[in-house]
């Protein structure tokens, strides 16, 4: 896949033990896509990770640049059971 990570995104991937495979799954085949409420360049891609207790991974991406840039990635507790 062709994307870049911000320094922050690279840090939280490691710190939160989020597999790159999960990140790429959200980028490639999200189950839900949301526009960012404040910045129209950003898109939120969500995917449920069965291997991690069916938690919902949220990946925020700047879709206006090529390659796309991952801004942050985290498990969204507010989405648990909603996806």
PDB file of N, CA and C in Angstrom:
ATOM      1  N   UNK A   1       0.843  -1.188   0.000  1.00  0.00           N
ATOM      2  CA  UNK A   1       0.000   0.000   0.000  1.00  0.00           C
ATOM      3  C   UNK A   1       0.879   1.239   0.000  1.00  0.00           C
ATOM      4  N   UNK A   2       0.352   2.288  -0.581  1.00  0.00           N
ATOM      5  CA  UNK A   2       1.105   3.526  -0.682  1.00  0.00           C
ATOM      6  C   UNK A   2       0.493   4.581   0.242  1.00  0.00           C
ATOM      7  N   UNK A   3       1.178   4.860   1.358  1.00  0.00           N
ATOM      8  CA  UNK A   3       0.743   5.865   2.326  1.00  0.00           C
ATOM      9  C   UNK A   3       1.963   6.275   3.143  1.00  0.00           C
ATOM     10  N   UNK A   4       1.835   7.386   3.851  1.00  0.00           N
ATOM     11  CA  UNK A   4       2.887   7.797   4.777  1.00  0.00           C
ATOM     12  C   UNK A   4       2.271   7.971   6.156  1.00  0.00           C
ATOM     13  N   UNK A   5       3.124   7.945   7.161  1.00  0.00           N
ATOM     14  CA  UNK A   5       2.702   8.140   8.545  1.00  0.00           C
ATOM     15  C   UNK A   5       3.295   9.431   9.072  1.00  0.00           C
ATOM     16  N   UNK A   6       2.519  10.185   9.827  1.00  0.00           N
ATOM     17  CA  UNK A   6       3.109  11.300  10.559  1.00  0.00           C
ATOM     18  C   UNK A   6       3.970  10.700  11.668  1.00  0.00           C
ATOM     19  N   UNK A   7       4.819  11.495  12.242  1.00  0.00           N
ATOM     20  CA  UNK A   7       5.636  11.041  13.366  1.00  0.00           C
ATOM     21  C   UNK A   7       4.733  10.548  14.504  1.00  0.00           C
ATOM     22  N   UNK A   8       3.651  11.294  14.734  1.00  0.00           N
ATOM     23  CA  UNK A   8       2.693  10.917  15.776  1.00  0.00           C
ATOM     24  C   UNK A   8       2.079   9.546  15.483  1.00  0.00           C
ATOM     25  N   UNK A   9       1.628   9.329  14.249  1.00  0.00           N
ATOM     26  CA  UNK A   9       0.998   8.050  13.889  1.00  0.00           C
ATOM     27  C   UNK A   9       1.973   6.892  14.066  1.00  0.00           C
ATOM     28  N   UNK A  10       3.216   7.076  13.655  1.00  0.00           N
ATOM     29  CA  UNK A  10       4.219   6.016  13.833  1.00  0.00           C
ATOM     30  C   UNK A  10       4.426   5.720  15.313  1.00  0.00           C
ATOM     31  N   UNK A  11       4.457   6.765  16.121  1.00  0.00           N
ATOM     32  CA  UNK A  11       4.650   6.604  17.563  1.00  0.00           C
ATOM     33  C   UNK A  11       3.492   5.834  18.199  1.00  0.00           C
ATOM     34  N   UNK A  12       2.251   6.218  17.881  1.00  0.00           N
ATOM     35  CA  UNK A  12       1.114   5.559  18.534  1.00  0.00           C
ATOM     36  C   UNK A  12       0.911   4.133  18.038  1.00  0.00           C
ATOM     37  N   UNK A  13       1.275   3.847  16.798  1.00  0.00           N
ATOM     38  CA  UNK A  13       1.216   2.457  16.328  1.00  0.00           C
ATOM     39  C   UNK A  13       2.059   1.572  17.232  1.00  0.00           C
ATOM     40  N   UNK A  14       3.266   2.029  17.497  1.00  0.00           N
ATOM     41  CA  UNK A  14       4.178   1.267  18.350  1.00  0.00           C
ATOM     42  C   UNK A  14       3.698   1.257  19.804  1.00  0.00           C
ATOM     43  N   UNK A  15       3.370   2.417  20.324  1.00  0.00           N
ATOM     44  CA  UNK A  15       2.986   2.559  21.732  1.00  0.00           C
ATOM     45  C   UNK A  15       1.724   1.766  22.075  1.00  0.00           C
ATOM     46  N   UNK A  16       0.768   1.736  21.155  1.00  0.00           N
ATOM     47  CA  UNK A  16      -0.512   1.069  21.406  1.00  0.00           C
ATOM     48  C   UNK A  16      -0.552  -0.357  20.866  1.00  0.00           C
ATOM     49  N   UNK A  17       0.585  -0.827  20.360  1.00  0.00           N
ATOM     50  CA  UNK A  17       0.712  -2.192  19.824  1.00  0.00           C
ATOM     51  C   UNK A  17      -0.356  -2.477  18.762  1.00  0.00           C
ATOM     52  N   UNK A  18      -0.514  -1.528  17.842  1.00  0.00           N
ATOM     53  CA  UNK A  18      -1.467  -1.685  16.741  1.00  0.00           C
ATOM     54  C   UNK A  18      -0.704  -2.249  15.547  1.00  0.00           C
ATOM     55  N   UNK A  19      -1.157  -3.380  15.055  1.00  0.00           N
ATOM     56  CA  UNK A  19      -0.482  -4.043  13.938  1.00  0.00           C
ATOM     57  C   UNK A  19      -0.639  -3.225  12.653  1.00  0.00           C
ATOM     58  N   UNK A  20       0.447  -3.157  11.887  1.00  0.00           N
ATOM     59  CA  UNK A  20       0.409  -2.460  10.600  1.00  0.00           C
ATOM     60  C   UNK A  20      -0.643  -3.108   9.700  1.00  0.00           C
ATOM     61  N   UNK A  21      -0.801  -4.414   9.803  1.00  0.00           N
ATOM     62  CA  UNK A  21      -1.821  -5.129   9.024  1.00  0.00           C
ATOM     63  C   UNK A  21      -3.217  -4.571   9.309  1.00  0.00           C
ATOM     64  N   UNK A  22      -3.495  -4.258  10.562  1.00  0.00           N
ATOM     65  CA  UNK A  22      -4.803  -3.700  10.933  1.00  0.00           C
ATOM     66  C   UNK A  22      -4.975  -2.301  10.357  1.00  0.00           C
ATOM     67  N   UNK A  23      -3.922  -1.497  10.457  1.00  0.00           N
ATOM     68  CA  UNK A  23      -3.945  -0.152   9.876  1.00  0.00           C
ATOM     69  C   UNK A  23      -4.243  -0.235   8.384  1.00  0.00           C
ATOM     70  N   UNK A  24      -3.543  -1.109   7.691  1.00  0.00           N
ATOM     71  CA  UNK A  24      -3.716  -1.229   6.246  1.00  0.00           C
ATOM     72  C   UNK A  24      -5.093  -1.776   5.885  1.00  0.00           C
ATOM     73  N   UNK A  25      -5.649  -2.623   6.730  1.00  0.00           N
ATOM     74  CA  UNK A  25      -7.009  -3.124   6.510  1.00  0.00           C
ATOM     75  C   UNK A  25      -8.002  -1.958   6.550  1.00  0.00           C
ATOM     76  N   UNK A  26      -7.822  -1.062   7.515  1.00  0.00           N
ATOM     77  CA  UNK A  26      -8.707   0.102   7.628  1.00  0.00           C
ATOM     78  C   UNK A  26      -8.543   1.038   6.434  1.00  0.00           C
ATOM     79  N   UNK A  27      -7.323   1.200   5.960  1.00  0.00           N
ATOM     80  CA  UNK A  27      -7.084   2.065   4.807  1.00  0.00           C
ATOM     81  C   UNK A  27      -7.679   1.471   3.535  1.00  0.00           C
ATOM     82  N   UNK A  28      -7.479   0.179   3.346  1.00  0.00           N
ATOM     83  CA  UNK A  28      -7.871  -0.501   2.118  1.00  0.00           C
ATOM     84  C   UNK A  28      -9.369  -0.830   2.055  1.00  0.00           C
ATOM     85  N   UNK A  29      -9.919  -1.282   3.177  1.00  0.00           N
ATOM     86  CA  UNK A  29     -11.288  -1.799   3.164  1.00  0.00           C
ATOM     87  C   UNK A  29     -12.046  -1.410   4.435  1.00  0.00           C
ATOM     88  N   UNK A  30     -12.270  -0.113   4.654  1.00  0.00           N
ATOM     89  CA  UNK A  30     -12.965   0.312   5.877  1.00  0.00           C
ATOM     90  C   UNK A  30     -14.422  -0.140   5.876  1.00  0.00           C
ATOM     91  N   UNK A  31     -14.937  -0.409   7.059  1.00  0.00           N
ATOM     92  CA  UNK A  31     -16.347  -0.767   7.192  1.00  0.00           C
ATOM     93  C   UNK A  31     -17.221   0.483   7.285  1.00  0.00           C
ATOM     94  N   UNK A  32     -16.609   1.578   7.642  1.00  0.00           N
ATOM     95  CA  UNK A  32     -17.322   2.856   7.742  1.00  0.00           C
ATOM     96  C   UNK A  32     -16.325   3.974   7.446  1.00  0.00           C
ATOM     97  N   UNK A  33     -16.798   5.006   6.748  1.00  0.00           N
ATOM     98  CA  UNK A  33     -15.974   6.179   6.429  1.00  0.00           C
ATOM     99  C   UNK A  33     -16.747   7.415   6.865  1.00  0.00           C
ATOM    100  N   UNK A  34     -16.065   8.300   7.595  1.00  0.00           N
ATOM    101  CA  UNK A  34     -16.683   9.537   8.070  1.00  0.00           C
ATOM    102  C   UNK A  34     -15.819  10.720   7.659  1.00  0.00           C
ATOM    103  N   UNK A  35     -16.460  11.819   7.304  1.00  0.00           N
ATOM    104  CA  UNK A  35     -15.730  13.065   7.061  1.00  0.00           C
ATOM    105  C   UNK A  35     -15.381  13.675   8.406  1.00  0.00           C
ATOM    106  N   UNK A  36     -14.260  14.370   8.463  1.00  0.00           N
ATOM    107  CA  UNK A  36     -13.875  15.060   9.690  1.00  0.00           C
ATOM    108  C   UNK A  36     -14.769  16.284   9.860  1.00  0.00           C
ATOM    109  N   UNK A  37     -15.209  16.533  11.074  1.00  0.00           N
ATOM    110  CA  UNK A  37     -16.131  17.643  11.351  1.00  0.00           C
ATOM    111  C   UNK A  37     -15.485  19.010  11.155  1.00  0.00           C
ATOM    112  N   UNK A  38     -14.160  19.089  11.291  1.00  0.00           N
ATOM    113  CA  UNK A  38     -13.489  20.388  11.240  1.00  0.00           C
ATOM    114  C   UNK A  38     -12.615  20.596  10.014  1.00  0.00           C
ATOM    115  N   UNK A  39     -12.067  19.528   9.464  1.00  0.00           N
ATOM    116  CA  UNK A  39     -11.120  19.655   8.358  1.00  0.00           C
ATOM    117  C   UNK A  39     -11.555  18.728   7.224  1.00  0.00           C
ATOM    118  N   UNK A  40     -12.033  19.279   6.147  1.00  0.00           N
ATOM    119  CA  UNK A  40     -12.566  18.489   5.028  1.00  0.00           C
ATOM    120  C   UNK A  40     -11.496  17.687   4.293  1.00  0.00           C
ATOM    121  N   UNK A  41     -10.234  17.975   4.561  1.00  0.00           N
ATOM    122  CA  UNK A  41      -9.164  17.184   3.951  1.00  0.00           C
ATOM    123  C   UNK A  41      -9.003  15.835   4.637  1.00  0.00           C
ATOM    124  N   UNK A  42      -9.567  15.727   5.854  1.00  0.00           N
ATOM    125  CA  UNK A  42      -9.382  14.517   6.652  1.00  0.00           C
ATOM    126  C   UNK A  42     -10.579  13.585   6.542  1.00  0.00           C
ATOM    127  N   UNK A  43     -10.272  12.302   6.586  1.00  0.00           N
ATOM    128  CA  UNK A  43     -11.286  11.262   6.530  1.00  0.00           C
ATOM    129  C   UNK A  43     -10.995  10.259   7.639  1.00  0.00           C
ATOM    130  N   UNK A  44     -12.047   9.780   8.291  1.00  0.00           N
ATOM    131  CA  UNK A  44     -11.916   8.785   9.354  1.00  0.00           C
ATOM    132  C   UNK A  44     -12.357   7.446   8.773  1.00  0.00           C
ATOM    133  N   UNK A  45     -11.490   6.461   8.839  1.00  0.00           N
ATOM    134  CA  UNK A  45     -11.810   5.124   8.327  1.00  0.00           C
ATOM    135  C   UNK A  45     -11.841   4.164   9.511  1.00  0.00           C
ATOM    136  N   UNK A  46     -12.943   3.444   9.621  1.00  0.00           N
ATOM    137  CA  UNK A  46     -13.146   2.567  10.772  1.00  0.00           C
ATOM    138  C   UNK A  46     -13.300   1.120  10.332  1.00  0.00           C
ATOM    139  N   UNK A  47     -12.719   0.233  11.130  1.00  0.00           N
ATOM    140  CA  UNK A  47     -12.817  -1.197  10.866  1.00  0.00           C
ATOM    141  C   UNK A  47     -12.812  -1.939  12.200  1.00  0.00           C
ATOM    142  N   UNK A  48     -13.626  -2.974  12.283  1.00  0.00           N
ATOM    143  CA  UNK A  48     -13.665  -3.802  13.492  1.00  0.00           C
ATOM    144  C   UNK A  48     -12.561  -4.850  13.371  1.00  0.00           C
ATOM    145  N   UNK A  49     -11.776  -4.982  14.435  1.00  0.00           N
ATOM    146  CA  UNK A  49     -10.651  -5.918  14.444  1.00  0.00           C
ATOM    147  C   UNK A  49     -11.042  -7.134  15.283  1.00  0.00           C
ATOM    148  N   UNK A  50     -11.432  -8.208  14.609  1.00  0.00           N
ATOM    149  CA  UNK A  50     -11.875  -9.426  15.305  1.00  0.00           C
ATOM    150  C   UNK A  50     -10.767  -9.993  16.186  1.00  0.00           C
ATOM    151  N   UNK A  51      -9.530  -9.921  15.706  1.00  0.00           N
ATOM    152  CA  UNK A  51      -8.388 -10.479  16.433  1.00  0.00           C
ATOM    153  C   UNK A  51      -8.063  -9.710  17.711  1.00  0.00           C
ATOM    154  N   UNK A  52      -8.699  -8.572  17.895  1.00  0.00           N
ATOM    155  CA  UNK A  52      -8.427  -7.737  19.072  1.00  0.00           C
ATOM    156  C   UNK A  52      -9.734  -7.469  19.824  1.00  0.00           C
ATOM    157  N   UNK A  53     -10.489  -8.531  20.038  1.00  0.00           N
ATOM    158  CA  UNK A  53     -11.718  -8.419  20.818  1.00  0.00           C
ATOM    159  C   UNK A  53     -12.832  -7.644  20.143  1.00  0.00           C
ATOM    160  N   UNK A  54     -12.808  -7.610  18.803  1.00  0.00           N
ATOM    161  CA  UNK A  54     -13.822  -6.897  18.013  1.00  0.00           C
ATOM    162  C   UNK A  54     -13.849  -5.400  18.310  1.00  0.00           C
ATOM    163  N   UNK A  55     -12.716  -4.860  18.736  1.00  0.00           N
ATOM    164  CA  UNK A  55     -12.636  -3.413  18.970  1.00  0.00           C
ATOM    165  C   UNK A  55     -12.574  -2.689  17.627  1.00  0.00           C
ATOM    166  N   UNK A  56     -13.013  -1.436  17.631  1.00  0.00           N
ATOM    167  CA  UNK A  56     -13.073  -0.644  16.401  1.00  0.00           C
ATOM    168  C   UNK A  56     -11.830   0.235  16.299  1.00  0.00           C
ATOM    169  N   UNK A  57     -11.098   0.049  15.204  1.00  0.00           N
ATOM    170  CA  UNK A  57      -9.908   0.844  14.934  1.00  0.00           C
ATOM    171  C   UNK A  57     -10.309   2.034  14.079  1.00  0.00           C
ATOM    172  N   UNK A  58      -9.918   3.227  14.519  1.00  0.00           N
ATOM    173  CA  UNK A  58     -10.183   4.466  13.777  1.00  0.00           C
ATOM    174  C   UNK A  58      -8.853   4.985  13.246  1.00  0.00           C
ATOM    175  N   UNK A  59      -8.806   5.219  11.937  1.00  0.00           N
ATOM    176  CA  UNK A  59      -7.612   5.747  11.286  1.00  0.00           C
ATOM    177  C   UNK A  59      -7.998   7.073  10.644  1.00  0.00           C
ATOM    178  N   UNK A  60      -7.309   8.136  11.021  1.00  0.00           N
ATOM    179  CA  UNK A  60      -7.573   9.462  10.457  1.00  0.00           C
ATOM    180  C   UNK A  60      -6.517   9.719   9.386  1.00  0.00           C
ATOM    181  N   UNK A  61      -7.002  10.007   8.174  1.00  0.00           N
ATOM    182  CA  UNK A  61      -6.139  10.109   7.001  1.00  0.00           C
ATOM    183  C   UNK A  61      -6.342  11.452   6.311  1.00  0.00           C
ATOM    184  N   UNK A  62      -5.226  12.068   5.897  1.00  0.00           N
ATOM    185  CA  UNK A  62      -5.313  13.242   5.029  1.00  0.00           C
ATOM    186  C   UNK A  62      -5.416  12.702   3.612  1.00  0.00           C
ATOM    187  N   UNK A  63      -6.606  12.772   3.036  1.00  0.00           N
ATOM    188  CA  UNK A  63      -6.857  12.202   1.713  1.00  0.00           C
ATOM    189  C   UNK A  63      -6.531  13.176   0.584  1.00  0.00           C
ATOM    190  N   UNK A  64      -6.155  14.406   0.927  1.00  0.00           N
ATOM    191  CA  UNK A  64      -5.903  15.415  -0.104  1.00  0.00           C
ATOM    192  C   UNK A  64      -4.465  15.398  -0.612  1.00  0.00           C
ATOM    193  N   UNK A  65      -3.618  14.551  -0.034  1.00  0.00           N
ATOM    194  CA  UNK A  65      -2.223  14.464  -0.471  1.00  0.00           C
ATOM    195  C   UNK A  65      -1.969  13.067  -1.033  1.00  0.00           C
ATOM    196  N   UNK A  66      -0.960  12.956  -1.871  1.00  0.00           N
ATOM    197  CA  UNK A  66      -0.552  11.668  -2.426  1.00  0.00           C
ATOM    198  C   UNK A  66       0.914  11.458  -2.128  1.00  0.00           C
ATOM    199  N   UNK A  67       1.293  10.360  -1.549  1.00  0.00           N
ATOM    200  CA  UNK A  67       0.385   9.337  -1.034  1.00  0.00           C
ATOM    201  C   UNK A  67      -0.390   9.860   0.174  1.00  0.00           C
ATOM    202  N   UNK A  68      -1.506   9.192   0.480  1.00  0.00           N
ATOM    203  CA  UNK A  68      -2.304   9.598   1.635  1.00  0.00           C
ATOM    204  C   UNK A  68      -1.451   9.548   2.897  1.00  0.00           C
ATOM    205  N   UNK A  69      -1.745  10.475   3.820  1.00  0.00           N
ATOM    206  CA  UNK A  69      -0.960  10.557   5.054  1.00  0.00           C
ATOM    207  C   UNK A  69      -1.825  10.187   6.249  1.00  0.00           C
ATOM    208  N   UNK A  70      -1.367   9.190   7.019  1.00  0.00           N
ATOM    209  CA  UNK A  70      -2.063   8.781   8.235  1.00  0.00           C
ATOM    210  C   UNK A  70      -1.685   9.762   9.334  1.00  0.00           C
ATOM    211  N   UNK A  71      -2.690  10.416   9.913  1.00  0.00           N
ATOM    212  CA  UNK A  71      -2.483  11.421  10.949  1.00  0.00           C
ATOM    213  C   UNK A  71      -2.427  10.773  12.329  1.00  0.00           C
ATOM    214  N   UNK A  72      -3.383   9.892  12.604  1.00  0.00           N
ATOM    215  CA  UNK A  72      -3.410   9.177  13.885  1.00  0.00           C
ATOM    216  C   UNK A  72      -4.195   7.890  13.719  1.00  0.00           C
ATOM    217  N   UNK A  73      -4.040   7.006  14.693  1.00  0.00           N
ATOM    218  CA  UNK A  73      -4.735   5.720  14.683  1.00  0.00           C
ATOM    219  C   UNK A  73      -4.970   5.304  16.130  1.00  0.00           C
ATOM    220  N   UNK A  74      -6.194   4.855  16.419  1.00  0.00           N
ATOM    221  CA  UNK A  74      -6.496   4.444  17.798  1.00  0.00           C
ATOM    222  C   UNK A  74      -7.750   3.586  17.827  1.00  0.00           C
ATOM    223  N   UNK A  75      -7.884   2.820  18.906  1.00  0.00           N
ATOM    224  CA  UNK A  75      -9.101   2.055  19.130  1.00  0.00           C
ATOM    225  C   UNK A  75     -10.125   2.994  19.742  1.00  0.00           C
ATOM    226  N   UNK A  76     -11.268   3.110  19.081  1.00  0.00           N
ATOM    227  CA  UNK A  76     -12.305   4.063  19.458  1.00  0.00           C
ATOM    228  C   UNK A  76     -13.314   3.394  20.390  1.00  0.00           C
ATOM    229  N   UNK A  77     -13.178   3.662  21.670  1.00  0.00           N
ATOM    230  CA  UNK A  77     -14.070   3.053  22.669  1.00  0.00           C
ATOM    231  C   UNK A  77     -15.522   3.449  22.457  1.00  0.00           C
ATOM    232  N   UNK A  78     -15.760   4.655  21.980  1.00  0.00           N
ATOM    233  CA  UNK A  78     -17.132   5.131  21.771  1.00  0.00           C
ATOM    234  C   UNK A  78     -17.847   4.340  20.671  1.00  0.00           C
ATOM    235  N   UNK A  79     -17.096   3.686  19.797  1.00  0.00           N
ATOM    236  CA  UNK A  79     -17.691   2.927  18.694  1.00  0.00           C
ATOM    237  C   UNK A  79     -17.878   1.450  19.028  1.00  0.00           C
ATOM    238  N   UNK A  80     -17.436   1.040  20.192  1.00  0.00           N
ATOM    239  CA  UNK A  80     -17.547  -0.377  20.565  1.00  0.00           C
ATOM    240  C   UNK A  80     -19.010  -0.827  20.484  1.00  0.00           C
ATOM    241  N   UNK A  81     -19.241  -1.905  19.750  1.00  0.00           N
ATOM    242  CA  UNK A  81     -20.583  -2.442  19.592  1.00  0.00           C
ATOM    243  C   UNK A  81     -21.454  -1.708  18.585  1.00  0.00           C
ATOM    244  N   UNK A  82     -20.923  -0.697  17.928  1.00  0.00           N
ATOM    245  CA  UNK A  82     -21.712   0.094  16.977  1.00  0.00           C
ATOM    246  C   UNK A  82     -21.357  -0.198  15.523  1.00  0.00           C
ATOM    247  N   UNK A  83     -20.387  -1.046  15.320  1.00  0.00           N
ATOM    248  CA  UNK A  83     -19.939  -1.308  13.950  1.00  0.00           C
ATOM    249  C   UNK A  83     -20.050  -2.787  13.657  1.00  0.00           C
TER     250      UNK A  83
END
